Amino acid sequence: MAYIIIIQSEREKALALESYSKGPANINLFPIQSVSTHLVVDSKKEAIDSMNHFKYLVEQRGINRLFHEGGKNIKEKKLQDLIFLSINKTSSFVGRECYTGRGNVDFIFALGEFDKTVVEVKLGSASKKALKHGLTNQLEIYKKSLNTTKSVSVIVYFDDKQKRKIERLLEELNLLNNPGVITINGQKKEHSASNLKAIV
């Protein structure tokens, strides 16, 4: 068995060596600056990465076909099912429909008690008022209840009118380029790559 101790100063290095002077010889001490950044795990980053992976599956891999079965747009609960099934490669515990004390949040990404991110999913077909409430009041209530400051919002739209409505709202709330607000194009794709004309 090997032991890895991450240190931040020469003093910590000396204390670690002193503490383990009579212990195992196979101890590796690493200054914190030398640890690769990909080892630093953050629940919000993992939530954003997971939602962007779902965005990629919808917009580039054809998952949007499941959004329009029977000629109707997907319901929010089924959308949550698809998102949950797409989540992988995360160190976080991912809870779905978790009760916060003030209602159920769609998803929670958690790395222990002190690093939690709430994720709310909305449909672009909702009214502007409902979307605004979800992006502001609702998220703040959930965050306060769970004692966290981290949140991610996902909005799936199904036509250009919904897209414009969402963009205007995000601009109004100063969230247009916020990485924690992810918009997904759930519109039907009319053409496959084989039918697209090359641009000369």
Foldseek 3Di string as FASTA:
>chain_A
DAAEDEDADPVVVVVVCVVCVVHDPRYHYHHPVPDDPVVDDAQQVLVLVLVVQVLCCQPPVPPLVVQQPPNHGRDPVVVLVVSVVSRDPHPFDKDAQDDLVVGGFGIWTDDPLAGIETEHEEELVDDLVVVLCVVPVVRVVSCVSSVHDHYAYEYEYADVVSVVSVCVSCVVVVNNPPSRYHYHYSYDDDDDPVPDDDDD
